[in-house]
Amino acid sequence: MRTIKTLQDLFRRYRRPGDIVFALLFLALAIFLLTQLGEQTKMVKRTKWYAQPSLWPTVAVYGMVFFGALHYISSLLSPRIPGRWREVLFWLKSLEFVAYFLIYVFTVPLLGYLPSSVLFALFLCARIGFRSPQMFLAAAVFGVSLAVIFRAFLQVKIPSGQIYELLPDTIRTFALTYL
């Protein structure tokens, strides 16, 4: 572990290539939230200033704008680090998994929670590179146990799949309730 010898060592910044892009996006988000404060929070008449519902959201958003601006200015004044767009592209690659989750959310009302969970677990297992039979079995068991725990034991209200309508009456009732 490194020891801190001077005050400058304590406050030294270690920048990454995408730092300026992050600073700009954070500042833009903070300014957007600042423009929405009047719409989202209200000042209540005949209430002390420290009991206002909008006090802490206002303090937080103004702090975000202030420190976001400082971060952006310090990023502008720092020497440029090569590889900025490669870093941003690396960040954007994570949106692939957001897309997978959205596909999963849209398939649950069609296929049902149990089949969607099992297929999603198997797909993600293959996508991230675990392609052995043991890993596929573990993913399938995880998908089944996830569905059973949430639907049967915790009684979470998740929409049943339209595919369940094709099942025989005796199995359909069970599937609509527990799967």
N, C-alpha and C. Protein backbone atom coordinates (compact mmCIF):
# COMPACT_ATOMS: atom_id res chain seq x y z
N MET A 1 0.84 -1.18 0.00
CA MET A 1 0.00 0.00 0.00
C MET A 1 0.89 1.24 0.00
N ARG A 2 0.52 2.21 -0.79
CA ARG A 2 1.31 3.44 -0.88
C ARG A 2 1.05 4.33 0.33
N THR A 3 2.07 5.02 0.74
CA THR A 3 1.89 5.97 1.83
C THR A 3 1.80 7.37 1.26
N ILE A 4 1.04 8.20 1.91
CA ILE A 4 0.86 9.59 1.48
C ILE A 4 1.86 10.43 2.25
N LYS A 5 2.76 11.11 1.51
CA LYS A 5 3.83 11.86 2.15
C LYS A 5 3.55 13.36 2.19
N THR A 6 2.82 13.85 1.20
CA THR A 6 2.55 15.29 1.15
C THR A 6 1.06 15.51 0.94
N LEU A 7 0.65 16.76 1.15
CA LEU A 7 -0.74 17.13 0.92
C LEU A 7 -1.10 17.00 -0.56
N GLN A 8 -0.14 17.27 -1.44
CA GLN A 8 -0.38 17.12 -2.88
C GLN A 8 -0.67 15.66 -3.24
N ASP A 9 0.00 14.72 -2.57
CA ASP A 9 -0.27 13.31 -2.83
C ASP A 9 -1.70 12.94 -2.43
N LEU A 10 -2.18 13.58 -1.38
CA LEU A 10 -3.53 13.30 -0.90
C LEU A 10 -4.59 13.72 -1.91
N PHE A 11 -4.37 14.86 -2.58
CA PHE A 11 -5.37 15.40 -3.50
C PHE A 11 -5.02 15.19 -4.97
N ARG A 12 -4.07 14.34 -5.27
CA ARG A 12 -3.70 14.07 -6.65
C ARG A 12 -4.83 13.34 -7.36
N ARG A 13 -5.12 13.78 -8.60
CA ARG A 13 -6.16 13.14 -9.41
C ARG A 13 -5.52 12.17 -10.39
N TYR A 14 -6.10 11.02 -10.51
CA TYR A 14 -5.66 10.05 -11.49
C TYR A 14 -6.75 9.97 -12.55
N ARG A 15 -6.54 10.62 -13.66
CA ARG A 15 -7.55 10.70 -14.70
C ARG A 15 -7.52 9.48 -15.59
N ARG A 16 -8.65 9.22 -16.19
CA ARG A 16 -8.81 8.17 -17.19
C ARG A 16 -9.08 8.84 -18.53
N PRO A 17 -8.92 8.11 -19.63
CA PRO A 17 -9.12 8.74 -20.94
C PRO A 17 -10.51 9.33 -21.15
N GLY A 18 -11.56 8.73 -20.62
CA GLY A 18 -12.92 9.23 -20.85
C GLY A 18 -13.40 10.20 -19.80
N ASP A 19 -12.49 10.73 -19.00
CA ASP A 19 -12.87 11.60 -17.89
C ASP A 19 -13.64 12.84 -18.35
N ILE A 20 -13.20 13.48 -19.41
CA ILE A 20 -13.86 14.71 -19.86
C ILE A 20 -15.27 14.41 -20.39
N VAL A 21 -15.44 13.27 -21.03
CA VAL A 21 -16.77 12.89 -21.53
C VAL A 21 -17.71 12.63 -20.34
N PHE A 22 -17.21 11.91 -19.34
CA PHE A 22 -18.02 11.66 -18.15
C PHE A 22 -18.37 12.98 -17.46
N ALA A 23 -17.40 13.87 -17.33
CA ALA A 23 -17.64 15.16 -16.66
C ALA A 23 -18.70 15.96 -17.40
N LEU A 24 -18.63 15.98 -18.71
CA LEU A 24 -19.60 16.72 -19.51
C LEU A 24 -21.00 16.12 -19.39
N LEU A 25 -21.10 14.80 -19.47
CA LEU A 25 -22.40 14.15 -19.34
C LEU A 25 -22.99 14.34 -17.94
N PHE A 26 -22.15 14.26 -16.92
CA PHE A 26 -22.63 14.46 -15.56
C PHE A 26 -23.12 15.88 -15.36
N LEU A 27 -22.37 16.86 -15.88
CA LEU A 27 -22.78 18.25 -15.75
C LEU A 27 -24.09 18.50 -16.50
N ALA A 28 -24.23 17.92 -17.68
CA ALA A 28 -25.47 18.08 -18.45
C ALA A 28 -26.66 17.48 -17.68
N LEU A 29 -26.47 16.31 -17.08
CA LEU A 29 -27.53 15.70 -16.28
C LEU A 29 -27.88 16.58 -15.08
N ALA A 30 -26.88 17.11 -14.41
CA ALA A 30 -27.12 17.96 -13.24
C ALA A 30 -27.88 19.23 -13.64
N ILE A 31 -27.52 19.83 -14.76
CA ILE A 31 -28.23 21.03 -15.22
C ILE A 31 -29.66 20.69 -15.60
N PHE A 32 -29.87 19.54 -16.23
CA PHE A 32 -31.23 19.11 -16.55
C PHE A 32 -32.05 18.95 -15.27
N LEU A 33 -31.49 18.32 -14.25
CA LEU A 33 -32.21 18.15 -12.99
C LEU A 33 -32.49 19.50 -12.34
N LEU A 34 -31.57 20.45 -12.48
CA LEU A 34 -31.77 21.79 -11.94
C LEU A 34 -32.96 22.46 -12.61
N THR A 35 -33.11 22.26 -13.93
CA THR A 35 -34.24 22.87 -14.63
C THR A 35 -35.57 22.24 -14.23
N GLN A 36 -35.53 21.03 -13.68
CA GLN A 36 -36.75 20.32 -13.31
C GLN A 36 -37.15 20.51 -11.85
N LEU A 37 -36.34 21.21 -11.07
CA LEU A 37 -36.64 21.35 -9.64
C LEU A 37 -38.00 21.99 -9.38
N GLY A 38 -38.35 23.03 -10.11
CA GLY A 38 -39.63 23.70 -9.90
C GLY A 38 -40.83 22.82 -10.22
N GLU A 39 -40.65 21.89 -11.14
CA GLU A 39 -41.74 20.99 -11.52
C GLU A 39 -41.89 19.82 -10.54
N GLN A 40 -40.78 19.36 -10.00
CA GLN A 40 -40.79 18.13 -9.22
C GLN A 40 -40.88 18.34 -7.72
N THR A 41 -40.47 19.49 -7.23
CA THR A 41 -40.54 19.77 -5.80
C THR A 41 -41.27 21.08 -5.57
N LYS A 42 -41.87 21.20 -4.43
CA LYS A 42 -42.66 22.40 -4.12
C LYS A 42 -42.24 22.99 -2.78
N MET A 43 -42.38 24.29 -2.69
CA MET A 43 -42.21 24.99 -1.41
C MET A 43 -43.60 25.09 -0.79
N VAL A 44 -43.73 24.69 0.46
CA VAL A 44 -45.02 24.68 1.16
C VAL A 44 -45.11 25.95 2.01
N LYS A 45 -46.22 26.68 1.86
CA LYS A 45 -46.42 27.89 2.65
C LYS A 45 -46.57 27.55 4.13
N ARG A 46 -46.15 28.47 4.97
CA ARG A 46 -46.24 28.35 6.42
C ARG A 46 -45.49 27.12 6.95
N THR A 47 -44.40 26.78 6.29
CA THR A 47 -43.54 25.69 6.75
C THR A 47 -42.13 26.24 6.89
N LYS A 48 -41.46 25.88 7.95
CA LYS A 48 -40.10 26.37 8.18
C LYS A 48 -39.19 25.90 7.05
N TRP A 49 -38.14 26.68 6.80
CA TRP A 49 -37.26 26.40 5.65
C TRP A 49 -36.63 25.02 5.76
N TYR A 50 -36.29 24.57 6.96
CA TYR A 50 -35.62 23.27 7.12
C TYR A 50 -36.60 22.11 7.05
N ALA A 51 -37.91 22.39 7.02
CA ALA A 51 -38.92 21.34 6.91
C ALA A 51 -39.54 21.29 5.52
N GLN A 52 -39.03 22.11 4.61
CA GLN A 52 -39.57 22.14 3.25
C GLN A 52 -39.29 20.81 2.54
N PRO A 53 -40.26 20.28 1.83
CA PRO A 53 -40.04 19.04 1.08
C PRO A 53 -38.96 19.20 0.00
N SER A 54 -38.77 20.42 -0.47
CA SER A 54 -37.82 20.62 -1.56
C SER A 54 -36.41 20.96 -1.08
N LEU A 55 -36.18 21.02 0.23
CA LEU A 55 -34.88 21.46 0.73
C LEU A 55 -33.74 20.53 0.29
N TRP A 56 -33.82 19.26 0.63
CA TRP A 56 -32.71 18.37 0.34
C TRP A 56 -32.56 18.04 -1.13
N PRO A 57 -33.64 17.90 -1.89
CA PRO A 57 -33.43 17.76 -3.34
C PRO A 57 -32.74 18.99 -3.94
N THR A 58 -33.10 20.18 -3.46
CA THR A 58 -32.48 21.40 -3.97
C THR A 58 -31.00 21.46 -3.61
N VAL A 59 -30.69 21.14 -2.36
CA VAL A 59 -29.28 21.13 -1.94
C VAL A 59 -28.49 20.11 -2.76
N ALA A 60 -29.06 18.93 -2.96
CA ALA A 60 -28.37 17.89 -3.71
C ALA A 60 -28.13 18.29 -5.16
N VAL A 61 -29.14 18.84 -5.81
CA VAL A 61 -29.00 19.19 -7.22
C VAL A 61 -28.03 20.36 -7.40
N TYR A 62 -28.12 21.37 -6.54
CA TYR A 62 -27.16 22.47 -6.63
C TYR A 62 -25.74 21.97 -6.38
N GLY A 63 -25.59 21.03 -5.45
CA GLY A 63 -24.27 20.42 -5.23
C GLY A 63 -23.79 19.66 -6.45
N MET A 64 -24.68 18.95 -7.11
CA MET A 64 -24.31 18.23 -8.33
C MET A 64 -23.84 19.20 -9.41
N VAL A 65 -24.55 20.31 -9.57
CA VAL A 65 -24.16 21.29 -10.59
C VAL A 65 -22.81 21.90 -10.24
N PHE A 66 -22.63 22.29 -8.99
CA PHE A 66 -21.40 22.94 -8.57
C PHE A 66 -20.20 22.00 -8.74
N PHE A 67 -20.29 20.81 -8.18
CA PHE A 67 -19.16 19.89 -8.26
C PHE A 67 -18.99 19.31 -9.66
N GLY A 68 -20.09 19.15 -10.40
CA GLY A 68 -19.99 18.74 -11.79
C GLY A 68 -19.26 19.78 -12.63
N ALA A 69 -19.55 21.07 -12.37
CA ALA A 69 -18.85 22.14 -13.09
C ALA A 69 -17.37 22.16 -12.72
N LEU A 70 -17.04 21.97 -11.44
CA LEU A 70 -15.63 21.91 -11.04
C LEU A 70 -14.92 20.73 -11.71
N HIS A 71 -15.58 19.61 -11.75
CA HIS A 71 -14.99 18.43 -12.39
C HIS A 71 -14.75 18.68 -13.88
N TYR A 72 -15.73 19.28 -14.54
CA TYR A 72 -15.59 19.56 -15.97
C TYR A 72 -14.46 20.57 -16.22
N ILE A 73 -14.38 21.62 -15.42
CA ILE A 73 -13.32 22.62 -15.59
C ILE A 73 -11.96 21.98 -15.35
N SER A 74 -11.84 21.17 -14.30
CA SER A 74 -10.55 20.53 -14.05
C SER A 74 -10.19 19.54 -15.15
N SER A 75 -11.19 18.92 -15.77
CA SER A 75 -10.91 18.02 -16.89
C SER A 75 -10.44 18.80 -18.11
N LEU A 76 -11.02 19.99 -18.31
CA LEU A 76 -10.59 20.83 -19.43
C LEU A 76 -9.16 21.32 -19.25
N LEU A 77 -8.79 21.62 -18.02
CA LEU A 77 -7.47 22.18 -17.74
C LEU A 77 -6.38 21.11 -17.66
N SER A 78 -6.77 19.86 -17.50
CA SER A 78 -5.79 18.78 -17.40
C SER A 78 -5.28 18.42 -18.79
N PRO A 79 -4.07 17.88 -18.87
CA PRO A 79 -3.56 17.47 -20.19
C PRO A 79 -4.41 16.33 -20.76
N ARG A 80 -4.52 16.33 -22.07
CA ARG A 80 -5.35 15.33 -22.76
C ARG A 80 -4.69 13.96 -22.67
N ILE A 81 -5.52 12.97 -22.38
CA ILE A 81 -5.04 11.58 -22.33
C ILE A 81 -5.57 10.87 -23.57
N PRO A 82 -4.70 10.25 -24.35
CA PRO A 82 -5.18 9.56 -25.57
C PRO A 82 -6.05 8.35 -25.22
N GLY A 83 -6.96 8.03 -26.12
CA GLY A 83 -7.83 6.87 -25.94
C GLY A 83 -9.21 7.21 -25.44
N ARG A 84 -9.62 8.46 -25.53
CA ARG A 84 -10.91 8.89 -25.00
C ARG A 84 -12.06 8.13 -25.64
N TRP A 85 -12.08 8.07 -26.97
CA TRP A 85 -13.23 7.45 -27.64
C TRP A 85 -13.22 5.93 -27.49
N ARG A 86 -12.05 5.36 -27.35
CA ARG A 86 -11.98 3.92 -27.08
C ARG A 86 -12.61 3.62 -25.71
N GLU A 87 -12.37 4.50 -24.74
CA GLU A 87 -12.97 4.36 -23.41
C GLU A 87 -14.49 4.52 -23.48
N VAL A 88 -14.96 5.50 -24.22
CA VAL A 88 -16.40 5.73 -24.35
C VAL A 88 -17.06 4.54 -25.06
N LEU A 89 -16.41 4.00 -26.07
CA LEU A 89 -16.93 2.82 -26.75
C LEU A 89 -17.02 1.64 -25.78
N PHE A 90 -16.06 1.51 -24.91
CA PHE A 90 -16.10 0.46 -23.90
C PHE A 90 -17.31 0.63 -22.98
N TRP A 91 -17.62 1.87 -22.61
CA TRP A 91 -18.80 2.14 -21.79
C TRP A 91 -20.07 1.75 -22.54
N LEU A 92 -20.12 2.09 -23.82
CA LEU A 92 -21.33 1.83 -24.60
C LEU A 92 -21.58 0.35 -24.82
N LYS A 93 -20.52 -0.45 -24.78
CA LYS A 93 -20.69 -1.89 -24.95
C LYS A 93 -21.57 -2.49 -23.85
N SER A 94 -21.59 -1.87 -22.68
CA SER A 94 -22.42 -2.40 -21.60
C SER A 94 -23.91 -2.27 -21.90
N LEU A 95 -24.27 -1.38 -22.82
CA LEU A 95 -25.68 -1.22 -23.18
C LEU A 95 -26.24 -2.47 -23.86
N GLU A 96 -25.36 -3.34 -24.34
CA GLU A 96 -25.80 -4.61 -24.92
C GLU A 96 -26.61 -5.39 -23.90
N PHE A 97 -26.18 -5.40 -22.64
CA PHE A 97 -26.88 -6.16 -21.61
C PHE A 97 -28.18 -5.48 -21.20
N VAL A 98 -28.26 -4.18 -21.34
CA VAL A 98 -29.52 -3.47 -21.12
C VAL A 98 -30.53 -3.92 -22.17
N ALA A 99 -30.07 -4.04 -23.41
CA ALA A 99 -30.95 -4.51 -24.49
C ALA A 99 -31.43 -5.93 -24.21
N TYR A 100 -30.54 -6.79 -23.73
CA TYR A 100 -30.94 -8.16 -23.40
C TYR A 100 -32.02 -8.16 -22.31
N PHE A 101 -31.86 -7.32 -21.30
CA PHE A 101 -32.84 -7.26 -20.22
C PHE A 101 -34.19 -6.76 -20.75
N LEU A 102 -34.17 -5.77 -21.64
CA LEU A 102 -35.43 -5.27 -22.21
C LEU A 102 -36.12 -6.35 -23.03
N ILE A 103 -35.36 -7.13 -23.77
CA ILE A 103 -35.94 -8.25 -24.52
C ILE A 103 -36.58 -9.24 -23.55
N TYR A 104 -35.89 -9.51 -22.44
CA TYR A 104 -36.43 -10.42 -21.42
C TYR A 104 -37.75 -9.88 -20.86
N VAL A 105 -37.79 -8.59 -20.57
CA VAL A 105 -39.00 -7.97 -20.02
C VAL A 105 -40.16 -8.09 -21.02
N PHE A 106 -39.88 -7.96 -22.29
CA PHE A 106 -40.94 -8.06 -23.29
C PHE A 106 -41.37 -9.50 -23.54
N THR A 107 -40.49 -10.47 -23.29
CA THR A 107 -40.87 -11.87 -23.53
C THR A 107 -41.65 -12.49 -22.38
N VAL A 108 -41.51 -11.94 -21.17
CA VAL A 108 -42.21 -12.53 -20.02
C VAL A 108 -43.73 -12.57 -20.24
N PRO A 109 -44.39 -11.50 -20.69
CA PRO A 109 -45.85 -11.61 -20.91
C PRO A 109 -46.22 -12.58 -22.04
N LEU A 110 -45.31 -12.86 -22.93
CA LEU A 110 -45.62 -13.77 -24.03
C LEU A 110 -45.38 -15.22 -23.65
N LEU A 111 -44.18 -15.51 -23.12
CA LEU A 111 -43.82 -16.89 -22.82
C LEU A 111 -44.11 -17.31 -21.39
N GLY A 112 -44.24 -16.36 -20.50
CA GLY A 112 -44.39 -16.67 -19.09
C GLY A 112 -43.08 -16.48 -18.36
N TYR A 113 -43.16 -16.38 -17.05
CA TYR A 113 -41.99 -16.07 -16.23
C TYR A 113 -40.99 -17.22 -16.21
N LEU A 114 -41.48 -18.44 -16.04
CA LEU A 114 -40.58 -19.60 -15.95
C LEU A 114 -39.82 -19.84 -17.26
N PRO A 115 -40.50 -19.98 -18.40
CA PRO A 115 -39.74 -20.21 -19.64
C PRO A 115 -38.81 -19.04 -19.98
N SER A 116 -39.27 -17.82 -19.77
CA SER A 116 -38.43 -16.66 -20.08
C SER A 116 -37.19 -16.63 -19.20
N SER A 117 -37.35 -16.94 -17.92
CA SER A 117 -36.21 -16.93 -17.00
C SER A 117 -35.19 -18.00 -17.36
N VAL A 118 -35.67 -19.18 -17.69
CA VAL A 118 -34.76 -20.26 -18.07
C VAL A 118 -34.03 -19.92 -19.37
N LEU A 119 -34.78 -19.46 -20.38
CA LEU A 119 -34.14 -19.10 -21.66
C LEU A 119 -33.15 -17.95 -21.50
N PHE A 120 -33.51 -16.96 -20.69
CA PHE A 120 -32.63 -15.81 -20.46
C PHE A 120 -31.35 -16.25 -19.75
N ALA A 121 -31.48 -17.11 -18.74
CA ALA A 121 -30.30 -17.60 -18.02
C ALA A 121 -29.40 -18.42 -18.94
N LEU A 122 -30.00 -19.27 -19.76
CA LEU A 122 -29.20 -20.07 -20.71
C LEU A 122 -28.52 -19.19 -21.75
N PHE A 123 -29.25 -18.19 -22.26
CA PHE A 123 -28.67 -17.29 -23.25
C PHE A 123 -27.49 -16.50 -22.66
N LEU A 124 -27.68 -15.94 -21.46
CA LEU A 124 -26.60 -15.19 -20.84
C LEU A 124 -25.40 -16.07 -20.51
N CYS A 125 -25.66 -17.30 -20.13
CA CYS A 125 -24.58 -18.25 -19.86
C CYS A 125 -23.75 -18.46 -21.13
N ALA A 126 -24.40 -18.65 -22.25
CA ALA A 126 -23.68 -18.82 -23.51
C ALA A 126 -23.01 -17.52 -23.95
N ARG A 127 -23.68 -16.40 -23.75
CA ARG A 127 -23.15 -15.10 -24.19
C ARG A 127 -21.87 -14.72 -23.48
N ILE A 128 -21.78 -15.00 -22.18
CA ILE A 128 -20.58 -14.60 -21.46
C ILE A 128 -19.48 -15.66 -21.51
N GLY A 129 -19.74 -16.76 -22.20
CA GLY A 129 -18.67 -17.70 -22.48
C GLY A 129 -18.65 -18.97 -21.67
N PHE A 130 -19.63 -19.19 -20.81
CA PHE A 130 -19.69 -20.43 -20.04
C PHE A 130 -20.52 -21.43 -20.83
N ARG A 131 -19.85 -22.29 -21.60
CA ARG A 131 -20.56 -23.15 -22.54
C ARG A 131 -20.45 -24.64 -22.20
N SER A 132 -20.05 -24.98 -21.01
CA SER A 132 -19.96 -26.39 -20.63
C SER A 132 -21.34 -26.88 -20.21
N PRO A 133 -21.58 -28.19 -20.30
CA PRO A 133 -22.88 -28.72 -19.88
C PRO A 133 -23.21 -28.41 -18.42
N GLN A 134 -22.19 -28.41 -17.56
CA GLN A 134 -22.42 -28.12 -16.14
C GLN A 134 -22.91 -26.68 -15.97
N MET A 135 -22.35 -25.76 -16.73
CA MET A 135 -22.76 -24.36 -16.61
C MET A 135 -24.18 -24.16 -17.14
N PHE A 136 -24.51 -24.82 -18.24
CA PHE A 136 -25.88 -24.72 -18.77
C PHE A 136 -26.88 -25.32 -17.78
N LEU A 137 -26.51 -26.41 -17.14
CA LEU A 137 -27.38 -27.01 -16.13
C LEU A 137 -27.56 -26.06 -14.95
N ALA A 138 -26.47 -25.45 -14.51
CA ALA A 138 -26.55 -24.50 -13.40
C ALA A 138 -27.42 -23.30 -13.78
N ALA A 139 -27.29 -22.81 -15.01
CA ALA A 139 -28.11 -21.68 -15.45
C ALA A 139 -29.59 -22.06 -15.50
N ALA A 140 -29.89 -23.26 -15.99
CA ALA A 140 -31.29 -23.71 -16.06
C ALA A 140 -31.86 -23.87 -14.65
N VAL A 141 -31.10 -24.45 -13.74
CA VAL A 141 -31.56 -24.60 -12.36
C VAL A 141 -31.78 -23.23 -11.72
N PHE A 142 -30.89 -22.29 -12.01
CA PHE A 142 -31.06 -20.94 -11.49
C PHE A 142 -32.35 -20.32 -12.02
N GLY A 143 -32.62 -20.45 -13.32
CA GLY A 143 -33.83 -19.88 -13.90
C GLY A 143 -35.09 -20.48 -13.30
N VAL A 144 -35.10 -21.80 -13.12
CA VAL A 144 -36.26 -22.46 -12.52
C VAL A 144 -36.43 -22.03 -11.07
N SER A 145 -35.35 -22.03 -10.31
CA SER A 145 -35.46 -21.67 -8.90
C SER A 145 -35.86 -20.21 -8.73
N LEU A 146 -35.38 -19.34 -9.59
CA LEU A 146 -35.77 -17.93 -9.55
C LEU A 146 -37.28 -17.79 -9.75
N ALA A 147 -37.79 -18.45 -10.76
CA ALA A 147 -39.23 -18.37 -11.04
C ALA A 147 -40.06 -18.96 -9.91
N VAL A 148 -39.66 -20.10 -9.41
CA VAL A 148 -40.43 -20.76 -8.34
C VAL A 148 -40.40 -19.93 -7.07
N ILE A 149 -39.25 -19.40 -6.71
CA ILE A 149 -39.15 -18.59 -5.49
C ILE A 149 -40.03 -17.34 -5.59
N PHE A 150 -39.94 -16.64 -6.72
CA PHE A 150 -40.69 -15.39 -6.84
C PHE A 150 -42.19 -15.62 -7.00
N ARG A 151 -42.58 -16.58 -7.83
CA ARG A 151 -44.01 -16.78 -8.08
C ARG A 151 -44.68 -17.60 -6.99
N ALA A 152 -44.10 -18.72 -6.60
CA ALA A 152 -44.79 -19.63 -5.68
C ALA A 152 -44.60 -19.23 -4.22
N PHE A 153 -43.37 -18.96 -3.80
CA PHE A 153 -43.12 -18.69 -2.38
C PHE A 153 -43.37 -17.24 -2.00
N LEU A 154 -42.86 -16.30 -2.79
CA LEU A 154 -43.01 -14.88 -2.44
C LEU A 154 -44.30 -14.27 -2.97
N GLN A 155 -45.02 -14.99 -3.81
CA GLN A 155 -46.29 -14.54 -4.37
C GLN A 155 -46.17 -13.18 -5.07
N VAL A 156 -45.07 -12.99 -5.79
CA VAL A 156 -44.88 -11.76 -6.56
C VAL A 156 -45.82 -11.81 -7.75
N LYS A 157 -46.55 -10.72 -7.98
CA LYS A 157 -47.53 -10.66 -9.06
C LYS A 157 -46.81 -10.34 -10.37
N ILE A 158 -46.49 -11.36 -11.12
CA ILE A 158 -45.84 -11.22 -12.42
C ILE A 158 -46.83 -11.71 -13.46
N PRO A 159 -46.97 -10.98 -14.58
CA PRO A 159 -47.96 -11.41 -15.57
C PRO A 159 -47.68 -12.81 -16.09
N SER A 160 -48.75 -13.55 -16.24
CA SER A 160 -48.62 -14.90 -16.79
C SER A 160 -48.44 -14.81 -18.30
N GLY A 161 -47.82 -15.82 -18.85
CA GLY A 161 -47.55 -15.81 -20.28
C GLY A 161 -48.75 -16.18 -21.11
N GLN A 162 -48.84 -15.58 -22.29
CA GLN A 162 -49.94 -15.89 -23.21
C GLN A 162 -49.84 -17.33 -23.69
N ILE A 163 -48.64 -17.89 -23.69
CA ILE A 163 -48.46 -19.27 -24.13
C ILE A 163 -49.15 -20.25 -23.19
N TYR A 164 -49.38 -19.84 -21.94
CA TYR A 164 -50.06 -20.71 -20.97
C TYR A 164 -51.50 -20.98 -21.38
N GLU A 165 -52.08 -20.11 -22.19
CA GLU A 165 -53.46 -20.31 -22.63
C GLU A 165 -53.61 -21.56 -23.51
N LEU A 166 -52.50 -22.02 -24.08
CA LEU A 166 -52.53 -23.20 -24.94
C LEU A 166 -52.48 -24.51 -24.16
N LEU A 167 -52.23 -24.44 -22.88
CA LEU A 167 -52.12 -25.64 -22.06
C LEU A 167 -53.51 -26.21 -21.74
N PRO A 168 -53.58 -27.51 -21.40
CA PRO A 168 -54.86 -28.09 -20.96
C PRO A 168 -55.33 -27.40 -19.68
N ASP A 169 -56.64 -27.42 -19.43
CA ASP A 169 -57.24 -26.68 -18.32
C ASP A 169 -56.61 -26.98 -16.96
N THR A 170 -56.36 -28.26 -16.68
CA THR A 170 -55.83 -28.61 -15.35
C THR A 170 -54.42 -28.07 -15.16
N ILE A 171 -53.61 -28.12 -16.18
CA ILE A 171 -52.22 -27.63 -16.07
C ILE A 171 -52.20 -26.11 -16.17
N ARG A 172 -53.11 -25.55 -16.96
CA ARG A 172 -53.13 -24.09 -17.16
C ARG A 172 -53.36 -23.35 -15.84
N THR A 173 -54.28 -23.81 -15.02
CA THR A 173 -54.55 -23.16 -13.75
C THR A 173 -53.30 -23.15 -12.86
N PHE A 174 -52.63 -24.28 -12.79
CA PHE A 174 -51.40 -24.38 -12.00
C PHE A 174 -50.33 -23.46 -12.58
N ALA A 175 -50.16 -23.46 -13.89
CA ALA A 175 -49.13 -22.64 -14.54
C ALA A 175 -49.41 -21.15 -14.35
N LEU A 176 -50.67 -20.76 -14.48
CA LEU A 176 -51.02 -19.35 -14.30
C LEU A 176 -50.77 -18.88 -12.87
N THR A 177 -50.91 -19.76 -11.92
CA THR A 177 -50.75 -19.39 -10.51
C THR A 177 -49.29 -19.45 -10.05
N TYR A 178 -48.57 -20.49 -10.43
CA TYR A 178 -47.26 -20.73 -9.84
C TYR A 178 -46.08 -20.61 -10.81
N LEU A 179 -46.31 -20.63 -12.10
CA LEU A 179 -45.19 -20.58 -13.03
C LEU A 179 -45.24 -19.30 -13.85
